[in-house]
Every structure is written in C-alpha cells, then in structure tokens.
Amino acid sequence: MEKFRLLFQGDSITDAGRDRSNIRNLGNGYPKYAAEMLSREFPDIEFDFMNTGISGDRAESLKARWEKDAIELQPDAVSILIGVNDTWHMDASGNWMTEEYFESCYRYILSELKSKTKAKIIMLEQFLLFVPKGSVHPAEFRADLDRKIQITRKLAREFADVFVPLDGLFAAACIGNKPEKWAADGVHPTEDGAKFIAKHYVDAFKQLDI
C-alpha cells in the first residue's frame, strides 16, 4: 500500500519549532497533534507526514520556495495556513502589503498545486484573537487582516477541497474562555490552541474524498 503524503505548509504556526533538517519532524504545533489524531482516526491509511512551514513566512515567501518545498514533494494533500505575517510584518512601518499583492502570491501557489500536482488542498484561515502588544498601528492591524481574510476565503472557494475558518472558530471559542487560553500573544497558539486547530483540521480532513 502506498503511503498518503500529507504536507503541512505555512509560517510559525505550522513550523512550531520543527527540526528544519528533517521534513518529517512536525514540530510542537498543530501539525503534530493533527498527525496523531489522523493516525488514530484512519488506522487503515499509512500516512507520510511532512512539514515545511517556516516561521515568519508571508505569502510571497511561500511563492519563492514553493517548487522545492511543495511541488517537488508531490504530496497527496497540502495544508496551507498563511497570512498573519502579511499584516504583522507591515505593522511597524505602516507600509501595509496591498490586498492585490497578497492575493497574487497566494493565487500563484494554489494555481501551481492545481496544475502540477494531484494534491487535495486544505486551506486554513489566518486568525487573530487580539492585536499583539507593541503594535504600532493597532486599529489598522485588525482592519488589514480582515481584508486579507476575505481574500483567503475567496481563494478557498475557488481552489480548496476543504476550508477551516479559524478566525471565526477562535472567536466562538473565546466566548467563556480568555483569548490567552488559545494564544498568549493573540497569534501564536498555546498547546490548547494548537490542539483546537488540530481538532477542526481533522474534522475538515474527514470531508475529503480520499
């Protein structure tokens, strides 16, 4: 039986301290917990889990390394969680990345997956529980992220096989829970936050026709 090659791609939320010299080291974030859950839920599937997420990446960063870190691996499914750095890294300067450029880069990586692989596409929405302390432009931070979330949703309708709406899911999870339970700085998940993402990820994965 051939292994089912599942690739996790994205920024620090995916990287989660992984050993970058070994793509099968999943780090300590949601990919690790999702892999554990999937292995239990699908005992008849032999998974080959890979993680090529890199902390700090933006959509343009993924575009630059997409051939090597995604296409050449020929995965059966790809998970993509990207976008918060496309807002966060622009905050200090106030030179916000345009929605058009964000969409262009994101559309490129999705189009490449469609044309060069047979991979199922699992898109996860970027999220923000609260604006990180030290933000130079706190009001614009959320507004800019919201505009880019709408782009992610539009692209998901066009390209994704399944979509995990994390910004909305975390908003609901903060009713009755402090946001810090899920992400101490509003962005990077705690262990509880990573397991929360993994649970909803696995729920979405079950919808795939594999």
Foldseek 3Di string as FASTA:
>chain_A
DDAAEEEEEEACQQPQVFDQVFQQGRHQFLLVLLVVVVCVVCVPHHHRYGYDYYHLDALQNCLVCVCPRPLVVQGQAYEYEHDLSLLVVCQVVVPHDDLVVSLVSNVVSLVCCVPRHNHAYEYEAAAFQAAFPPGPDRVVSVVSSVVNSVSSVVVCVVGHPFYHDVHVVLVVVCVVPPSCCQPVRRHHGDSVVRNVVSVSSNVRVVSDDD
